[in-house]
């Protein structure tokens, strides 16, 4: 049976952003409980870089037309 490749692309994008949520939620809970000091600014910037890469990835996928379902 033939399965459209678009299903795989959507599944991969879903997994990427699902993993992002798994990393983001615990980080946000722990980060908000701590006071912002010079020592915990580095994890903040690391997470912002992580979110930035994901943001540019979704913009790239959108511009390439991956998110558009065509028949």
Protein backbone atom coordinates (compact mmCIF):
# COMPACT_ATOMS: atom_id res chain seq x y z
CA UNK A 1 0.00 0.00 0.00
CA UNK A 2 1.17 3.50 -0.77
CA UNK A 3 1.38 5.95 2.10
CA UNK A 4 1.82 9.62 1.36
CA UNK A 5 5.21 10.97 2.40
CA UNK A 6 3.48 14.02 3.88
CA UNK A 7 2.28 11.82 6.75
CA UNK A 8 5.90 11.13 7.68
CA UNK A 9 6.87 14.80 7.44
CA UNK A 10 3.99 15.80 9.71
CA UNK A 11 4.89 13.02 12.14
CA UNK A 12 8.51 14.16 12.32
CA UNK A 13 7.49 17.79 12.86
CA UNK A 14 5.06 16.70 15.56
CA UNK A 15 7.76 14.72 17.34
CA UNK A 16 10.22 17.61 17.19
CA UNK A 17 7.78 20.05 18.76
CA UNK A 18 6.49 17.47 21.22
CA UNK A 19 10.04 16.93 22.48
CA UNK A 20 10.40 20.70 22.71
CA UNK A 21 7.41 20.85 25.05
CA UNK A 22 8.86 18.02 27.14
CA UNK A 23 12.08 20.00 27.60
CA UNK A 24 10.46 23.41 28.00
CA UNK A 25 7.90 22.71 30.72
CA UNK A 26 10.22 21.33 33.45
CA UNK A 27 12.83 23.95 32.62
CA UNK A 28 10.27 26.74 32.99
CA UNK A 29 8.99 25.39 36.32
CA UNK A 30 12.49 25.10 37.80
CA UNK A 31 13.67 28.40 36.33
CA UNK A 32 10.70 30.33 37.72
CA UNK A 33 11.30 28.95 41.23
CA UNK A 34 14.87 30.24 41.27
CA UNK A 35 15.99 33.80 41.53
CA UNK A 36 17.79 35.15 38.50
CA UNK A 37 21.50 35.36 39.25
CA UNK A 38 24.64 35.37 37.17
CA UNK A 39 24.92 31.59 37.62
CA UNK A 40 21.57 30.68 36.12
CA UNK A 41 21.60 33.14 33.23
CA UNK A 42 23.51 30.64 31.07
CA UNK A 43 20.69 28.02 31.13
CA UNK A 44 18.26 30.81 30.21
CA UNK A 45 20.31 31.75 27.16
CA UNK A 46 20.74 28.08 26.24
CA UNK A 47 16.97 27.58 26.28
CA UNK A 48 16.45 30.76 24.27
CA UNK A 49 18.90 29.44 21.66
CA UNK A 50 17.02 26.11 21.64
CA UNK A 51 13.71 27.91 21.12
CA UNK A 52 15.29 30.15 18.49
CA UNK A 53 16.49 27.16 16.47
CA UNK A 54 13.04 25.60 16.69
CA UNK A 55 11.41 28.87 15.66
CA UNK A 56 13.62 29.16 12.59
CA UNK A 57 12.99 25.49 11.80
CA UNK A 58 9.22 25.99 11.76
CA UNK A 59 9.57 29.16 9.68
CA UNK A 60 11.81 27.29 7.24
CA UNK A 61 9.32 24.41 7.01
CA UNK A 62 6.49 26.88 6.49
CA UNK A 63 8.36 28.72 3.71
CA UNK A 64 9.19 25.41 1.99
CA UNK A 65 5.48 24.53 1.99
CA UNK A 66 5.83 21.51 4.25
CA UNK A 67 2.90 22.58 6.42
CA UNK A 68 0.50 22.88 3.48
CA UNK A 69 -1.51 19.79 2.68
CA UNK A 70 -1.87 19.42 -1.09
CA UNK A 71 -3.83 16.80 -2.99
